[in-house]
Every structure is written in structure tokens, then in C-alpha cells.
Protein backbone atom coordinates (compact mmCIF):
# COMPACT_ATOMS: atom_id res chain seq x y z
CA MET A 1 -11.94 -10.78 11.41
CA GLY A 2 -14.32 -13.00 9.48
CA GLY A 3 -15.72 -10.10 7.47
CA ALA A 4 -12.23 -9.05 6.41
CA VAL A 5 -11.39 -12.61 5.33
CA ARG A 6 -14.58 -12.83 3.25
CA TRP A 7 -13.70 -9.52 1.59
CA ASP A 8 -10.18 -10.82 0.87
CA THR A 9 -11.73 -13.84 -0.81
CA VAL A 10 -13.95 -11.62 -2.95
CA VAL A 11 -10.95 -9.53 -4.04
CA GLY A 12 -8.92 -12.63 -4.88
CA ALA A 13 -11.82 -14.05 -6.88
CA LEU A 14 -12.28 -10.76 -8.74
CA LEU A 15 -8.58 -10.78 -9.64
CA VAL A 16 -8.84 -14.29 -11.09
CA VAL A 17 -12.02 -13.41 -13.02
CA LEU A 18 -10.47 -10.22 -14.39
CA ILE A 19 -7.34 -12.05 -15.55
CA LEU A 20 -9.35 -14.82 -17.24
CA PHE A 21 -11.70 -12.32 -18.88
CA SER A 22 -8.86 -10.11 -20.08
CA TYR A 23 -6.90 -13.09 -21.40
CA SER A 24 -9.94 -14.20 -23.40
CA PHE A 25 -11.29 -10.92 -24.70
CA VAL A 26 -8.61 -8.21 -24.55
CA GLY A 27 -6.10 -8.33 -27.36
CA ASP A 28 -2.41 -8.58 -26.40
CA PHE A 29 -3.19 -8.95 -22.70
CA GLY A 30 -1.85 -12.50 -22.52
CA ASN A 31 1.44 -12.03 -24.35
CA ALA A 32 4.63 -12.23 -22.32
CA LEU A 33 5.68 -8.66 -23.11
CA ASN A 34 2.47 -7.20 -21.69
CA ILE A 35 2.47 -9.42 -18.58
CA GLY A 36 6.03 -8.36 -17.84
CA PHE A 37 5.00 -4.73 -18.42
CA LEU A 38 2.01 -5.17 -16.06
CA ILE A 39 4.12 -6.65 -13.25
CA GLY A 40 6.88 -4.08 -13.66
CA ASN A 41 4.47 -1.15 -13.53
CA THR A 42 2.67 -2.62 -10.52
CA LEU A 43 5.83 -3.24 -8.47
CA PRO A 44 6.13 0.36 -7.15
CA ILE A 45 2.57 0.16 -5.79
CA ALA A 46 3.16 -3.38 -4.52
CA ALA A 47 6.36 -2.40 -2.69
CA ILE A 48 4.90 0.60 -0.85
CA ALA A 49 1.69 -1.32 -0.11
CA LEU A 50 3.62 -3.68 2.21
CA PRO A 51 4.50 -1.13 4.93
CA MET A 52 1.39 0.94 4.14
CA THR A 53 -0.78 -2.07 5.01
CA MET A 54 0.82 -2.27 8.44
CA LEU A 55 0.51 1.48 8.91
CA VAL A 56 -3.20 1.53 8.03
CA ALA A 57 -3.77 -1.55 10.21
CA SER A 58 -2.35 0.50 13.11
CA GLY A 59 -4.90 3.25 12.46
CA GLU A 60 -2.64 5.71 10.59
CA ILE A 61 -1.98 6.60 6.96
CA ASP A 62 0.80 8.17 4.88
CA LEU A 63 -0.23 10.21 1.85
CA SER A 64 3.29 11.52 1.25
CA VAL A 65 4.60 8.27 -0.28
CA GLY A 66 4.32 9.44 -3.90
CA SER A 67 6.16 12.66 -3.09
CA THR A 68 8.84 10.69 -1.23
CA VAL A 69 9.32 8.61 -4.37
CA GLY A 70 9.67 11.82 -6.41
CA LEU A 71 12.05 13.41 -3.89
CA SER A 72 14.23 10.31 -3.83
CA GLY A 73 14.39 10.29 -7.63
CA SER A 74 15.28 14.00 -7.73
CA VAL A 75 18.09 13.56 -5.21
CA MET A 76 19.34 10.55 -7.16
CA GLY A 77 19.42 12.54 -10.39
CA ALA A 78 21.08 15.58 -8.82
CA LEU A 79 23.78 13.54 -7.06
CA TRP A 80 24.47 11.55 -10.22
CA ASN A 81 24.92 14.80 -12.13
CA ASP A 82 27.41 15.84 -9.45
CA GLY A 83 29.46 12.70 -10.06
CA MET A 84 28.66 10.69 -6.92
CA ASN A 85 29.00 6.91 -7.05
CA ILE A 86 25.60 5.34 -7.66
CA ASN A 87 25.93 2.85 -4.79
CA MET A 88 26.53 5.75 -2.43
CA ILE A 89 23.55 7.56 -3.97
CA ILE A 90 21.28 4.61 -3.16
CA LEU A 91 22.45 4.71 0.47
CA VAL A 92 21.78 8.45 0.61
CA CYS A 93 18.28 7.90 -0.80
CA ALA A 94 17.64 5.20 1.80
CA ALA A 95 18.69 7.60 4.56
CA LEU A 96 16.49 10.28 3.02
CA GLY A 97 13.50 7.95 3.16
CA ILE A 98 14.14 7.26 6.84
CA VAL A 99 14.24 11.01 7.51
CA CYS A 100 10.99 11.60 5.59
CA GLY A 101 9.27 8.83 7.52
CA LEU A 102 10.71 10.11 10.80
CA VAL A 103 9.36 13.61 10.18
CA ASN A 104 5.87 12.20 9.66
CA ALA A 105 6.22 9.95 12.69
CA LEU A 106 7.34 12.67 15.09
CA LEU A 107 4.60 15.04 14.01
CA VAL A 108 2.00 12.33 14.59
CA THR A 109 3.34 10.56 17.69
CA ARG A 110 4.96 13.44 19.58
CA LEU A 111 2.70 16.35 18.69
CA GLY A 112 -0.47 14.28 18.46
CA LEU A 113 -1.41 15.57 15.00
CA PRO A 114 -3.66 13.46 12.74
CA SER A 115 -1.65 11.52 10.18
CA LEU A 116 -4.07 12.40 7.37
CA ALA A 117 -3.44 16.14 7.81
CA VAL A 118 0.28 15.74 8.49
CA THR A 119 1.00 13.65 5.42
CA ILE A 120 -1.07 15.87 3.15
CA GLY A 121 1.24 18.68 4.28
CA THR A 122 4.44 16.68 3.83
CA MET A 123 3.15 15.42 0.47
CA ALA A 124 3.22 19.01 -0.77
CA ALA A 125 6.47 19.82 1.04
CA TYR A 126 8.43 16.83 -0.26
CA ARG A 127 7.23 17.44 -3.81
CA GLY A 128 8.26 21.09 -3.54
CA ILE A 129 11.72 20.13 -2.25
CA ALA A 130 12.07 17.67 -5.14
CA GLN A 131 11.42 20.49 -7.60
CA ILE A 132 13.96 22.71 -5.84
CA VAL A 133 16.60 19.94 -5.92
CA LEU A 134 16.31 19.06 -9.59
CA GLY A 135 14.24 21.85 -11.11
CA SER A 136 12.53 21.03 -14.37
CA ASN A 137 15.47 18.92 -15.55
CA SER A 138 15.38 15.20 -16.26
CA VAL A 139 18.37 12.91 -15.80
CA THR A 140 18.55 9.80 -17.96
CA ASP A 141 22.20 8.73 -18.33
CA PHE A 142 22.39 6.16 -15.52
CA PRO A 143 24.65 3.07 -15.72
CA GLN A 144 23.23 0.44 -18.04
CA ASN A 145 23.66 -2.45 -15.61
CA TYR A 146 21.44 -0.63 -13.09
CA LEU A 147 18.91 0.20 -15.76
CA ASN A 148 18.88 -3.48 -16.69
CA PHE A 149 17.93 -4.32 -13.11
CA GLY A 150 15.13 -1.78 -13.18
CA SER A 151 13.58 -2.90 -16.46
CA GLY A 152 15.17 -6.29 -17.15
CA ARG A 153 13.61 -9.75 -17.06
CA ILE A 154 14.74 -12.99 -15.49
CA ALA A 155 16.41 -14.97 -18.28
CA GLY A 156 13.89 -16.68 -20.54
CA THR A 157 10.81 -15.46 -18.66
CA PHE A 158 8.47 -12.48 -18.53
CA ILE A 159 9.14 -11.94 -14.81
CA PRO A 160 10.93 -8.65 -14.02
CA THR A 161 14.24 -8.98 -12.21
CA ALA A 162 13.02 -6.57 -9.54
CA ALA A 163 10.19 -8.98 -8.67
CA ILE A 164 12.68 -11.16 -6.78
CA PRO A 165 13.59 -8.62 -4.05
CA TRP A 166 9.91 -7.61 -3.86
CA ALA A 167 8.86 -11.23 -3.28
CA ILE A 168 11.46 -11.59 -0.52
CA LEU A 169 10.25 -8.37 1.09
CA ALA A 170 6.63 -9.54 0.80
CA VAL A 171 7.38 -12.83 2.56
CA ILE A 172 9.15 -10.95 5.36
CA ALA A 173 6.22 -8.54 5.69
CA VAL A 174 3.66 -11.36 5.85
CA ILE A 175 5.66 -13.13 8.57
CA VAL A 176 6.12 -9.93 10.58
CA LEU A 177 2.46 -8.90 10.41
CA HIS A 178 0.79 -12.29 10.83
CA ALA A 179 3.26 -14.47 12.73
CA THR A 180 5.03 -12.24 15.27
CA GLY A 181 4.23 -10.37 18.43
CA PHE A 182 4.96 -7.11 16.65
CA GLY A 183 2.25 -7.84 14.08
CA ARG A 184 -0.26 -8.65 16.81
CA SER A 185 0.70 -5.37 18.47
CA VAL A 186 0.02 -3.49 15.22
CA PHE A 187 -3.52 -4.87 15.05
CA ALA A 188 -4.04 -4.22 18.77
CA VAL A 189 -3.02 -0.58 18.36
CA GLY A 190 -5.33 -0.19 15.37
CA ALA A 191 -8.27 -1.78 17.19
CA SER A 192 -7.92 0.44 20.25
CA GLN A 193 -4.93 2.64 20.89
CA GLU A 194 -5.97 3.31 24.48
CA ALA A 195 -6.49 -0.37 25.29
CA ALA A 196 -3.14 -1.21 23.68
CA TRP A 197 -1.44 1.42 25.84
CA PHE A 198 -3.05 0.05 29.01
CA ALA A 199 -1.92 -3.42 27.96
CA GLY A 200 1.68 -2.18 28.04
CA LEU A 201 2.31 -1.79 24.31
CA ARG A 202 4.68 0.97 23.17
CA VAL A 203 2.10 2.60 20.91
CA LYS A 204 4.20 5.58 19.85
CA ARG A 205 7.25 3.45 19.13
CA ILE A 206 5.22 1.01 17.02
CA LYS A 207 3.77 3.83 14.93
CA LEU A 208 7.17 5.50 14.59
CA LEU A 209 8.69 2.29 13.24
CA LEU A 210 5.86 1.89 10.75
CA PHE A 211 6.18 5.47 9.46
CA VAL A 212 9.94 5.07 9.11
CA ALA A 213 9.54 1.75 7.27
CA THR A 214 7.02 3.36 4.91
CA GLY A 215 9.38 6.25 4.21
CA LEU A 216 12.34 3.92 3.64
CA VAL A 217 10.49 1.64 1.22
CA SER A 218 9.02 4.66 -0.60
CA SER A 219 12.47 6.17 -1.08
CA LEU A 220 13.95 2.90 -2.36
CA THR A 221 10.94 2.65 -4.65
CA GLY A 222 11.97 6.07 -5.95
CA VAL A 223 15.34 4.57 -6.90
CA PHE A 224 13.59 1.68 -8.64
CA TRP A 225 11.24 4.10 -10.42
CA VAL A 226 14.21 6.00 -11.88
CA LEU A 227 15.90 2.80 -13.04
CA HIS A 228 12.70 1.24 -14.37
CA TYR A 229 11.67 4.26 -16.43
CA ALA A 230 15.26 5.46 -17.04
CA SER A 231 14.43 8.99 -15.93
CA ALA A 232 14.83 11.07 -12.77
CA SER A 233 12.39 13.97 -12.57
CA TYR A 234 10.78 15.88 -9.72
CA ASP A 235 7.29 14.80 -10.85
CA ASN A 236 8.04 11.08 -10.79
CA ALA A 237 5.20 9.06 -9.22
CA THR A 238 2.74 11.97 -9.08
CA GLY A 239 -0.54 10.54 -7.80
CA LEU A 240 1.02 7.22 -6.78
CA GLU A 241 -0.30 7.64 -3.23
CA LEU A 242 -3.87 7.37 -4.53
CA SER A 243 -3.15 4.02 -6.18
CA VAL A 244 -1.35 2.67 -3.10
CA VAL A 245 -4.12 3.63 -0.68
CA ALA A 246 -6.84 2.42 -3.06
CA ALA A 247 -5.10 -0.95 -3.49
CA VAL A 248 -4.53 -1.43 0.24
CA LEU A 249 -8.11 -0.55 1.19
CA LEU A 250 -9.47 -2.55 -1.74
CA GLY A 251 -7.69 -5.56 -0.25
CA GLY A 252 -9.81 -5.31 2.89
CA ILE A 253 -7.62 -3.32 5.26
CA ASP A 254 -9.96 -1.34 7.52
CA PHE A 255 -9.34 2.41 7.22
CA ASP A 256 -9.91 2.73 10.98
CA GLY A 257 -7.30 0.06 11.69
CA GLY A 258 -7.32 -3.26 13.47
CA ARG A 259 -8.54 -5.46 10.59
CA GLY A 260 -7.20 -6.94 7.37
CA THR A 261 -4.54 -9.20 5.92
CA LEU A 262 -1.44 -8.55 3.87
CA GLY A 263 -2.53 -11.22 1.39
CA GLY A 264 -5.71 -9.26 0.76
CA ALA A 265 -3.72 -6.07 0.24
CA ILE A 266 -1.45 -7.79 -2.28
CA ALA A 267 -4.51 -9.13 -4.13
CA GLY A 268 -5.89 -5.59 -4.15
CA VAL A 269 -2.63 -4.25 -5.57
CA PHE A 270 -2.62 -6.66 -8.50
CA LEU A 271 -6.36 -6.28 -9.07
CA LEU A 272 -5.86 -2.53 -9.45
CA GLY A 273 -2.69 -3.00 -11.54
CA THR A 274 -4.41 -5.47 -13.87
CA LEU A 275 -7.41 -3.19 -14.26
CA GLN A 276 -5.17 -0.23 -15.14
CA ASN A 277 -3.29 -2.37 -17.64
CA VAL A 278 -6.50 -3.51 -19.31
CA MET A 279 -7.80 0.05 -19.49
CA SER A 280 -4.55 1.11 -21.18
CA LEU A 281 -4.87 -1.71 -23.71
CA VAL A 282 -8.38 -0.61 -24.65
CA ASN A 283 -7.22 3.01 -24.93
CA VAL A 284 -8.93 4.44 -21.85
CA SER A 285 -7.43 7.85 -21.10
CA SER A 286 -5.25 8.39 -18.02
CA GLN A 287 -7.82 10.86 -16.66
CA SER A 288 -10.55 8.20 -16.87
CA GLN A 289 -8.24 5.70 -15.19
CA THR A 290 -7.83 8.15 -12.31
CA VAL A 291 -11.62 8.41 -12.04
CA VAL A 292 -11.90 4.60 -11.89
CA THR A 293 -9.18 4.47 -9.21
CA GLY A 294 -11.08 7.05 -7.16
CA ILE A 295 -14.31 5.07 -7.47
CA LEU A 296 -12.50 1.91 -6.37
CA LEU A 297 -11.14 3.82 -3.38
CA VAL A 298 -14.67 4.70 -2.30
CA ILE A 299 -15.86 1.13 -2.88
CA SER A 300 -12.91 -0.26 -0.93
CA VAL A 301 -13.84 1.85 2.09
CA LEU A 302 -17.56 1.10 1.89
CA GLY A 303 -17.40 -2.54 0.84
CA PRO A 304 -15.98 -4.20 3.98
CA ARG A 305 -18.11 -1.97 6.22
CA VAL A 306 -21.31 -2.82 4.37
CA ALA A 307 -20.38 -6.51 4.47
CA ARG A 308 -19.85 -6.34 8.24
CA GLN A 309 -23.13 -4.48 8.75
CA ILE A 310 -25.00 -7.09 6.72
CA ALA A 311 -23.37 -9.90 8.71
CA THR A 312 -24.26 -8.15 11.98
CA ALA A 313 -27.86 -7.60 10.86
CA ARG A 314 -28.19 -11.25 9.87
CA ALA A 315 -26.78 -12.36 13.21
CA ARG A 316 -29.27 -10.16 15.05
CA ARG A 317 -32.20 -11.46 12.99
CA SER A 318 -31.07 -15.02 13.60
CA LEU A 319 -30.80 -14.36 17.31
CA SER A 320 -34.21 -12.68 17.51
CA SER A 321 -35.93 -15.41 15.49
CA SER A 322 -34.47 -18.32 17.47
CA PRO A 323 -36.93 -19.93 19.87
CA THR A 324 -36.45 -18.87 23.43
CA ARG A 325 -36.62 -21.20 26.34
CA PRO A 326 -39.63 -20.80 28.58
CA MET A 327 -38.59 -19.37 31.88
CA ALA A 328 -38.93 -21.60 34.89
CA PRO A 329 -41.85 -20.55 37.08
CA THR A 330 -40.84 -18.73 40.20
CA PRO A 331 -42.18 -20.16 43.43
CA SER A 332 -45.01 -18.15 44.86
CA SER A 333 -44.60 -16.68 48.27
CA SER A 334 -46.89 -17.81 50.98
CA PHE A 335 -48.02 -15.42 53.61
């Protein structure tokens, strides 16, 4: 995993350089209001990136996460209009996320369908259901104390209140992926599903759990999205899946599975979030930002692979150029 670690280091260094450059040369980047805005806008990507990292490390992907966020927000708005208690609504949204993840999981693990194709289909389906649930309406009159959680700051700081539960979730995710048998199983499945199965790992169960976790976190992110932006609409988080996948792969997670670290993925998330924030400050259009995100997605797929190929080529050259021992003479046969 040396190549992945080196790529993680590069991403972390780029994040530091970008922050220092932006602080020095981009007006208003360093003020507390903008930093709080940057963190708050990055939290939805950062939250979904945690289970998505594990899912990609296992060799699968979920492109329906943005639509799950939108569906959760639509259900939240519709149920609030119907007078349901907001705490109950959050529980319903959590259950909805589990169902969305379970649908993806069963189609992939039980029917053997590729997750890329499955989640492109459910991405469209979940977004369509969201539009059916709420129509073209927007709901904005949520309780103020919940809105304060979504957009508020820890007293006297620029840190969003919602950063606290995210940090707790991130610590749990790092421990699970890098310090438990389950995490080792995730990487084993991503490296070779067949070998993992012969080793006795419950491959289908592992993938099912990861899809369900991704759906659950995406749905709860939908709740946060509504509270953060004070609006429930069927088109909430449109295109969010591109940012999540780009950030995860940018952090060094191998698209084929089996390689990467959660720390690298988190660095990738905040590198992408900082870059988007800087582009907004210098008045780059949203369309151009999407183009940059797409380019980063391509780079994030190619970068670690090119780095590994270069390392392999160097190792081969080193091996071929090293002096070889003279072979001991073989005794001649006498007749």
C-alpha cells in the first residue's frame, strides 16, 4: 500500500499549499465567516465520503447518494407539511436511507449486477420518487432550533455545530476501517473477492452492510442539507455524487478496491471543498466548477495508478541493473 500512502501524502500537502496560497492571495478567504461557510458546505460531502470510502475499498460504488439526499429531503418536507413531529420525521428518513441502501445491496449481491449500473438506475429512480413526493414545492418553515443546528456555529468560533457529530463519526469510521477485523475484511474483499470468499469471509454480507451504511448516512445527510440550507426540495444535492466520488478517489482510494486510507479520503474531501470555495470567491461559474471537479475525478483515477506504474518500473530497472552473482561452475561429468 506504499503507493497509496505516497498519494495520500501528496493530497495532504496540496491541501496545505492551497490553504496557504488562498489565505495569502484570495480576498476574504481567511475570515471566520468564510471558513465556517467552507466547512459547512463541505460537511455533506465529508459525511457521505466516510461510508463511500469503505464501499469503494470493497470494490463497489454508489452513485445514488445525491438522489438519496434529495429523496430524504423531499420526504422530510412532505411529512412536515402533514404535521408530523420532526423527531419522528428524522427517524423515518433514517429508515428510508436503510431501505435505499438495501435495494442497491440486494441488486448487487443477490442478483450479481454491477454496482455502477445499478446505482445509476437507482440514482434516477430515487430522484424521480423525490419529485413525486414533493413536486416542485419547497418547504422552508422548519423549527428554528433545528435550523440553528444545521447552520449554527459553536459559541465564539467559526466551527459549525454539525462538525461535532461528523468528527465523532469520522473517528468511528477510521477505527472500523483501519483497526478492526471488519476493516481488514473490506480491503481483502476489494483486493480479491474470490480469494476473500475462499478465506471464509462473508463477502455478500460485508457489501450489504456497506451499501446500507452508505444509504443511511446519505439520508441523514439529506436531513442536514434541509436544515443547513433551510429548504426541502426534490432537487436538493443534485450532482453531489460527483463531488463525493471525486473527493474519495482524489484521496487515493483505488477505484478497483483493496487500497487506500480514510485519512486520504478526508484530505481529498477538504481539498475539493477548499478548491470549490476559492473558485466561488473569485467568481468562477458553477458550470466551470463542475468541469474542474470532473477533471479532478479523472486525475484521481489516473494519479495513483501512474504512481504505482512508475514505482514498479523503477523497481524493475533497479533489479535488472543490480550486479548478479556469478553462478558456481557445475562439475563436469567424467565418462
